[in-house]
N, C-alpha and C. Protein backbone atom coordinates (compact mmCIF):
# COMPACT_ATOMS: atom_id res chain seq x y z
N MET A 1 91.77 102.42 98.78
CA MET A 1 91.62 103.83 98.50
C MET A 1 92.95 104.55 98.70
N PHE A 2 92.92 105.86 98.76
CA PHE A 2 94.14 106.65 98.93
C PHE A 2 94.75 106.38 100.31
N THR A 3 96.08 106.40 100.37
CA THR A 3 96.73 105.97 101.61
C THR A 3 97.54 107.05 102.31
N GLN A 4 97.77 108.21 101.68
CA GLN A 4 98.64 109.21 102.30
C GLN A 4 98.11 110.62 102.07
N LYS A 5 97.91 111.36 103.16
CA LYS A 5 97.55 112.76 103.04
C LYS A 5 98.80 113.57 102.70
N CYS A 6 98.66 114.52 101.79
CA CYS A 6 99.78 115.40 101.47
C CYS A 6 99.23 116.75 101.04
N PHE A 7 100.10 117.75 101.08
CA PHE A 7 99.68 119.07 100.62
C PHE A 7 100.83 119.75 99.89
N ILE A 8 100.45 120.74 99.10
CA ILE A 8 101.41 121.52 98.34
C ILE A 8 101.14 123.00 98.62
N ARG A 9 102.19 123.78 98.63
CA ARG A 9 102.08 125.20 98.97
C ARG A 9 101.75 126.05 97.75
N LYS A 10 100.77 125.59 97.02
CA LYS A 10 100.17 126.34 95.93
C LYS A 10 98.85 125.69 95.61
N ASN A 11 98.06 126.37 94.82
CA ASN A 11 96.72 125.90 94.51
C ASN A 11 96.40 126.34 93.08
N THR A 12 96.53 125.41 92.13
CA THR A 12 96.30 125.76 90.73
C THR A 12 95.22 124.87 90.12
N PRO A 13 94.55 125.38 89.10
CA PRO A 13 93.55 124.56 88.40
C PRO A 13 94.16 123.29 87.80
N GLU A 14 95.42 123.35 87.36
CA GLU A 14 96.07 122.18 86.78
C GLU A 14 96.25 121.07 87.81
N LEU A 15 96.66 121.43 89.02
CA LEU A 15 96.82 120.44 90.07
C LEU A 15 95.48 119.81 90.44
N VAL A 16 94.45 120.64 90.53
CA VAL A 16 93.11 120.13 90.84
C VAL A 16 92.66 119.16 89.75
N LYS A 17 92.89 119.51 88.48
CA LYS A 17 92.51 118.65 87.37
C LYS A 17 93.25 117.31 87.45
N ASN A 18 94.56 117.35 87.73
CA ASN A 18 95.33 116.11 87.86
C ASN A 18 94.78 115.23 88.99
N LEU A 19 94.44 115.84 90.11
CA LEU A 19 93.88 115.07 91.22
C LEU A 19 92.53 114.47 90.85
N GLU A 20 91.70 115.23 90.17
CA GLU A 20 90.39 114.71 89.74
C GLU A 20 90.56 113.51 88.80
N GLU A 21 91.57 113.58 87.92
CA GLU A 21 91.83 112.46 87.01
C GLU A 21 92.28 111.21 87.76
N MET A 22 92.84 111.39 88.95
CA MET A 22 93.25 110.26 89.78
C MET A 22 92.09 109.68 90.59
N GLY A 23 90.96 110.40 90.63
CA GLY A 23 89.80 109.91 91.37
C GLY A 23 89.43 110.74 92.58
N TYR A 24 90.12 111.86 92.80
CA TYR A 24 89.76 112.75 93.90
C TYR A 24 88.54 113.58 93.52
N ASN A 25 87.83 114.07 94.54
CA ASN A 25 86.66 114.93 94.34
C ASN A 25 86.87 116.26 95.03
N VAL A 26 86.50 117.33 94.34
CA VAL A 26 86.56 118.66 94.93
C VAL A 26 85.49 118.76 96.00
N VAL A 27 85.89 119.23 97.17
CA VAL A 27 84.95 119.39 98.28
C VAL A 27 84.37 120.80 98.20
N SER A 28 83.06 120.90 98.08
CA SER A 28 82.37 122.19 98.00
C SER A 28 81.22 122.19 99.00
N PHE A 29 80.91 123.35 99.46
CA PHE A 29 79.76 123.53 100.35
C PHE A 29 78.74 124.35 99.60
N GLY A 30 77.69 123.70 99.13
CA GLY A 30 76.71 124.40 98.30
C GLY A 30 77.37 124.87 97.02
N VAL A 31 77.19 126.13 96.70
CA VAL A 31 77.80 126.67 95.48
C VAL A 31 79.11 127.39 95.76
N ILE A 32 79.52 127.44 97.03
CA ILE A 32 80.74 128.15 97.38
C ILE A 32 81.90 127.15 97.38
N ASN A 33 82.84 127.36 96.48
CA ASN A 33 84.01 126.49 96.39
C ASN A 33 85.00 126.94 97.45
N ILE A 34 85.49 126.02 98.27
CA ILE A 34 86.37 126.39 99.38
C ILE A 34 87.79 126.73 98.94
N PHE A 35 88.08 126.66 97.63
CA PHE A 35 89.43 126.99 97.17
C PHE A 35 89.65 128.49 97.04
N ASN A 36 88.60 129.29 97.08
CA ASN A 36 88.74 130.73 96.88
C ASN A 36 89.79 131.33 97.79
N GLU A 37 90.85 131.88 97.17
CA GLU A 37 91.88 132.63 97.89
C GLU A 37 92.72 131.79 98.85
N LYS A 38 92.61 130.46 98.84
CA LYS A 38 93.40 129.64 99.76
C LYS A 38 94.67 129.17 99.07
N PRO A 39 95.82 129.43 99.69
CA PRO A 39 97.10 129.22 99.01
C PRO A 39 97.59 127.77 98.94
N TYR A 40 97.08 126.87 99.79
CA TYR A 40 97.56 125.50 99.81
C TYR A 40 96.49 124.55 99.30
N LEU A 41 96.95 123.42 98.77
CA LEU A 41 96.05 122.40 98.27
C LEU A 41 96.35 121.10 99.00
N LEU A 42 95.31 120.45 99.54
CA LEU A 42 95.45 119.22 100.32
C LEU A 42 94.71 118.09 99.62
N SER A 43 95.38 116.93 99.51
CA SER A 43 94.69 115.71 99.06
C SER A 43 94.57 114.83 100.29
N ASP A 44 93.37 114.35 100.54
CA ASP A 44 93.09 113.58 101.75
C ASP A 44 92.86 112.11 101.42
N THR A 45 93.03 111.24 102.41
CA THR A 45 92.84 109.81 102.19
C THR A 45 91.39 109.44 101.92
N ASN A 46 90.47 110.35 102.20
CA ASN A 46 89.06 110.07 101.91
C ASN A 46 88.70 110.41 100.46
N GLY A 47 89.70 110.83 99.66
CA GLY A 47 89.47 111.14 98.26
C GLY A 47 89.02 112.56 98.02
N GLY A 48 89.15 113.42 99.02
CA GLY A 48 88.75 114.81 98.86
C GLY A 48 89.91 115.73 98.54
N ILE A 49 89.62 116.78 97.81
CA ILE A 49 90.59 117.85 97.53
C ILE A 49 90.12 119.07 98.30
N TYR A 50 91.00 119.62 99.10
CA TYR A 50 90.65 120.76 99.94
C TYR A 50 91.61 121.91 99.71
N GLY A 51 91.10 123.13 99.82
CA GLY A 51 91.95 124.30 99.88
C GLY A 51 92.17 124.60 101.35
N MET A 52 93.35 125.13 101.70
CA MET A 52 93.62 125.40 103.11
C MET A 52 94.61 126.54 103.26
N TYR A 53 94.61 127.13 104.45
CA TYR A 53 95.53 128.22 104.79
C TYR A 53 96.71 127.73 105.61
N ASP A 54 96.46 126.79 106.50
CA ASP A 54 97.47 126.37 107.45
C ASP A 54 97.89 124.93 107.21
N ILE A 55 99.09 124.61 107.63
CA ILE A 55 99.63 123.26 107.51
C ILE A 55 98.87 122.34 108.46
N GLU A 56 98.42 121.21 107.95
CA GLU A 56 97.68 120.25 108.76
C GLU A 56 98.63 119.15 109.23
N LYS A 57 98.54 118.80 110.51
CA LYS A 57 99.39 117.75 111.06
C LYS A 57 99.09 116.41 110.38
N GLY A 58 100.13 115.60 110.23
CA GLY A 58 99.97 114.28 109.64
C GLY A 58 100.04 114.26 108.13
N CYS A 59 100.23 115.42 107.52
CA CYS A 59 100.32 115.51 106.06
C CYS A 59 101.77 115.62 105.63
N ILE A 60 102.08 115.06 104.47
CA ILE A 60 103.40 115.22 103.88
C ILE A 60 103.43 116.58 103.19
N ASP A 61 104.42 117.39 103.54
CA ASP A 61 104.59 118.72 102.95
C ASP A 61 105.43 118.59 101.69
N CYS A 62 104.83 118.83 100.54
CA CYS A 62 105.53 118.74 99.25
C CYS A 62 106.07 120.08 98.81
N GLU A 63 106.00 121.07 99.70
CA GLU A 63 106.43 122.44 99.42
C GLU A 63 105.79 122.92 98.12
N THR A 64 106.56 123.19 97.05
CA THR A 64 105.96 123.64 95.79
C THR A 64 106.26 122.66 94.66
N ASN A 65 106.59 121.42 95.01
CA ASN A 65 107.01 120.41 94.04
C ASN A 65 105.79 119.64 93.50
N ASP A 66 105.34 120.01 92.30
CA ASP A 66 104.17 119.37 91.68
C ASP A 66 104.36 117.87 91.51
N GLU A 67 105.53 117.45 91.00
CA GLU A 67 105.76 116.03 90.74
C GLU A 67 105.69 115.21 92.02
N LEU A 68 106.32 115.70 93.07
CA LEU A 68 106.28 114.99 94.35
C LEU A 68 104.86 114.93 94.89
N PHE A 69 104.16 116.05 94.86
CA PHE A 69 102.78 116.10 95.34
C PHE A 69 101.90 115.09 94.62
N LEU A 70 101.96 115.07 93.29
CA LEU A 70 101.11 114.16 92.53
C LEU A 70 101.52 112.70 92.73
N ALA A 71 102.82 112.44 92.90
CA ALA A 71 103.28 111.07 93.13
C ALA A 71 102.79 110.54 94.46
N ILE A 72 102.85 111.36 95.50
CA ILE A 72 102.37 110.92 96.82
C ILE A 72 100.84 110.85 96.85
N ALA A 73 100.18 111.82 96.23
CA ALA A 73 98.71 111.81 96.19
C ALA A 73 98.18 110.59 95.44
N ALA A 74 98.96 110.03 94.52
CA ALA A 74 98.53 108.88 93.73
C ALA A 74 98.56 107.57 94.51
N LEU A 75 99.22 107.55 95.67
CA LEU A 75 99.35 106.31 96.43
C LEU A 75 97.99 105.78 96.88
N ARG A 76 97.70 104.55 96.46
CA ARG A 76 96.42 103.91 96.79
C ARG A 76 96.66 102.43 97.05
N ASP A 77 95.68 101.80 97.68
CA ASP A 77 95.79 100.36 97.92
C ASP A 77 94.86 99.54 97.05
N ASP A 78 94.09 100.19 96.15
CA ASP A 78 93.13 99.47 95.32
C ASP A 78 93.46 99.49 93.83
N THR A 79 94.56 100.13 93.43
CA THR A 79 95.00 100.17 92.04
C THR A 79 96.48 100.56 92.02
N ASP A 80 97.14 100.27 90.91
CA ASP A 80 98.53 100.69 90.72
C ASP A 80 98.63 101.89 89.78
N LYS A 81 97.54 102.26 89.15
CA LYS A 81 97.53 103.32 88.14
C LYS A 81 98.06 104.64 88.73
N ASN A 82 98.92 105.29 87.95
CA ASN A 82 99.54 106.58 88.29
C ASN A 82 100.57 106.49 89.40
N GLN A 83 100.90 105.28 89.83
CA GLN A 83 101.87 105.12 90.91
C GLN A 83 103.23 104.73 90.35
N TRP A 84 104.25 105.14 91.08
CA TRP A 84 105.63 104.88 90.67
C TRP A 84 106.12 103.57 91.25
N PHE A 85 106.86 102.84 90.41
CA PHE A 85 107.48 101.58 90.80
C PHE A 85 108.99 101.70 90.63
N VAL A 86 109.70 100.97 91.46
CA VAL A 86 111.16 101.02 91.48
C VAL A 86 111.71 99.62 91.25
N HIS A 87 112.72 99.54 90.40
CA HIS A 87 113.43 98.28 90.15
C HIS A 87 114.91 98.55 90.35
N ASP A 88 115.51 97.81 91.25
CA ASP A 88 116.92 97.94 91.54
C ASP A 88 117.66 96.78 90.88
N ASP A 89 118.40 97.08 89.83
CA ASP A 89 119.15 96.05 89.09
C ASP A 89 120.64 96.27 89.34
N SER A 90 121.12 95.77 90.46
CA SER A 90 122.52 95.98 90.84
C SER A 90 123.50 95.19 89.99
N ASP A 91 123.01 94.18 89.28
CA ASP A 91 123.91 93.34 88.49
C ASP A 91 124.21 93.90 87.10
N TRP A 92 123.40 94.85 86.65
CA TRP A 92 123.55 95.37 85.30
C TRP A 92 124.82 96.22 85.20
N ASN A 93 125.73 95.84 84.33
CA ASN A 93 126.99 96.55 84.13
C ASN A 93 127.82 96.69 85.40
N ASP A 94 127.64 95.77 86.32
CA ASP A 94 128.41 95.76 87.58
C ASP A 94 128.31 97.05 88.37
N LYS A 95 127.25 97.77 88.22
CA LYS A 95 127.02 98.95 89.06
C LYS A 95 125.54 99.04 89.38
N GLN A 96 125.24 99.76 90.40
CA GLN A 96 123.85 99.85 90.83
C GLN A 96 123.06 100.75 89.90
N ASN A 97 121.94 100.26 89.42
CA ASN A 97 121.04 101.02 88.57
C ASN A 97 119.64 100.91 89.14
N ILE A 98 119.02 102.03 89.32
CA ILE A 98 117.65 102.05 89.81
C ILE A 98 116.77 102.62 88.71
N PHE A 99 115.78 101.84 88.30
CA PHE A 99 114.86 102.26 87.25
C PHE A 99 113.53 102.64 87.89
N TRP A 100 112.98 103.76 87.43
CA TRP A 100 111.68 104.24 87.90
C TRP A 100 110.68 104.10 86.77
N TYR A 101 109.46 103.71 87.11
CA TYR A 101 108.43 103.54 86.10
C TYR A 101 107.08 103.92 86.68
N LYS A 102 106.34 104.73 85.93
CA LYS A 102 104.99 105.12 86.34
C LYS A 102 103.99 104.20 85.65
N CYS A 103 103.22 103.48 86.43
CA CYS A 103 102.24 102.52 85.91
C CYS A 103 101.08 103.27 85.26
N GLU A 104 100.73 102.85 84.05
CA GLU A 104 99.62 103.47 83.32
C GLU A 104 98.37 102.60 83.31
N GLU A 105 98.48 101.38 83.83
CA GLU A 105 97.35 100.45 83.87
C GLU A 105 96.84 100.33 85.30
N ASP A 106 95.72 99.63 85.48
CA ASP A 106 95.17 99.42 86.82
C ASP A 106 96.07 98.55 87.68
N SER A 107 96.84 97.67 87.03
CA SER A 107 97.73 96.78 87.75
C SER A 107 99.10 96.77 87.07
N ILE A 108 100.17 96.78 87.84
CA ILE A 108 101.51 96.74 87.27
C ILE A 108 101.71 95.46 86.47
N ILE A 109 101.04 94.40 86.85
CA ILE A 109 101.16 93.14 86.12
C ILE A 109 100.57 93.26 84.72
N GLU A 110 99.52 94.06 84.56
CA GLU A 110 98.91 94.28 83.25
C GLU A 110 99.76 95.19 82.36
N ASP A 111 100.63 95.93 82.97
CA ASP A 111 101.42 96.90 82.23
C ASP A 111 102.53 96.20 81.46
N LEU A 112 102.64 96.46 80.19
CA LEU A 112 103.60 95.78 79.33
C LEU A 112 105.03 95.91 79.84
N ALA A 113 105.40 97.05 80.34
CA ALA A 113 106.78 97.26 80.81
C ALA A 113 107.12 96.35 81.98
N TYR A 114 106.13 95.93 82.73
CA TYR A 114 106.40 95.03 83.85
C TYR A 114 107.07 93.76 83.34
N ASN A 115 106.54 93.21 82.26
CA ASN A 115 107.10 91.97 81.72
C ASN A 115 108.46 92.18 81.08
N LEU A 116 108.72 93.35 80.55
CA LEU A 116 109.97 93.61 79.86
C LEU A 116 111.10 94.00 80.79
N MET A 117 110.83 94.80 81.79
CA MET A 117 111.90 95.37 82.60
C MET A 117 111.77 95.14 84.10
N PHE A 118 110.57 95.00 84.58
CA PHE A 118 110.35 95.11 86.01
C PHE A 118 109.82 93.82 86.63
N ASN A 119 110.49 92.72 86.34
CA ASN A 119 110.05 91.45 86.90
C ASN A 119 110.16 91.42 88.42
N ASP A 120 111.05 92.21 88.96
CA ASP A 120 111.24 92.25 90.41
C ASP A 120 111.24 93.71 90.85
N CYS A 121 110.06 94.27 90.96
CA CYS A 121 109.98 95.68 91.35
C CYS A 121 109.01 95.83 92.52
N HIS A 122 109.00 97.03 93.08
CA HIS A 122 108.06 97.31 94.17
C HIS A 122 107.51 98.72 94.01
N LYS A 123 106.36 98.92 94.61
CA LYS A 123 105.75 100.25 94.61
C LYS A 123 106.63 101.17 95.44
N ALA A 124 106.92 102.34 94.91
CA ALA A 124 107.77 103.29 95.62
C ALA A 124 107.12 103.70 96.94
N THR A 125 107.94 103.78 97.97
CA THR A 125 107.47 104.26 99.27
C THR A 125 107.45 105.78 99.29
N VAL A 126 106.82 106.35 100.29
CA VAL A 126 106.81 107.81 100.43
C VAL A 126 108.24 108.32 100.51
N GLN A 127 109.08 107.67 101.30
CA GLN A 127 110.47 108.13 101.45
C GLN A 127 111.23 108.05 100.13
N GLU A 128 111.02 106.99 99.36
CA GLU A 128 111.67 106.88 98.05
C GLU A 128 111.19 107.97 97.11
N LEU A 129 109.91 108.27 97.14
CA LEU A 129 109.37 109.35 96.29
C LEU A 129 109.98 110.70 96.67
N ILE A 130 110.08 110.95 97.96
CA ILE A 130 110.67 112.21 98.43
C ILE A 130 112.10 112.33 97.93
N GLU A 131 112.89 111.26 98.07
CA GLU A 131 114.28 111.29 97.63
C GLU A 131 114.39 111.42 96.11
N HIS A 132 113.50 110.76 95.39
CA HIS A 132 113.55 110.78 93.91
C HIS A 132 113.17 112.15 93.35
N PHE A 133 112.12 112.74 93.88
CA PHE A 133 111.61 114.00 93.31
C PHE A 133 112.23 115.24 93.95
N ASN A 134 113.08 115.08 94.95
CA ASN A 134 113.82 116.19 95.55
C ASN A 134 115.31 115.93 95.35
N PRO A 135 115.84 116.27 94.16
CA PRO A 135 117.26 115.97 93.88
C PRO A 135 118.21 116.73 94.78
């Protein structure tokens, strides 16, 4: 399932839709949606989407960076879909080249680009995602 809690300092329908497409569920109590007027959006390891006012300990703060938030929220241990992979090809043109690829299949091995470019790649870590999406 999901492996990293993170939050973003905004709360938009587009972000909620993206999270739902990844397999998250909106947490509601009866007919009252808890997102009303709450400025932050949290994705939890239990697969829930929450609205919140305050920063929760143990969460990665993505500030207002949608790409970073969605990349970290996509981290799971049961699929590779929507997750970023990194390939470091230091031998190409005698200089270091790092290629990033977002997996579109359930497994990186099933993904066509894996066979073409990423024979030796790894799933991006939280720290690599932070560095990549925060130039």
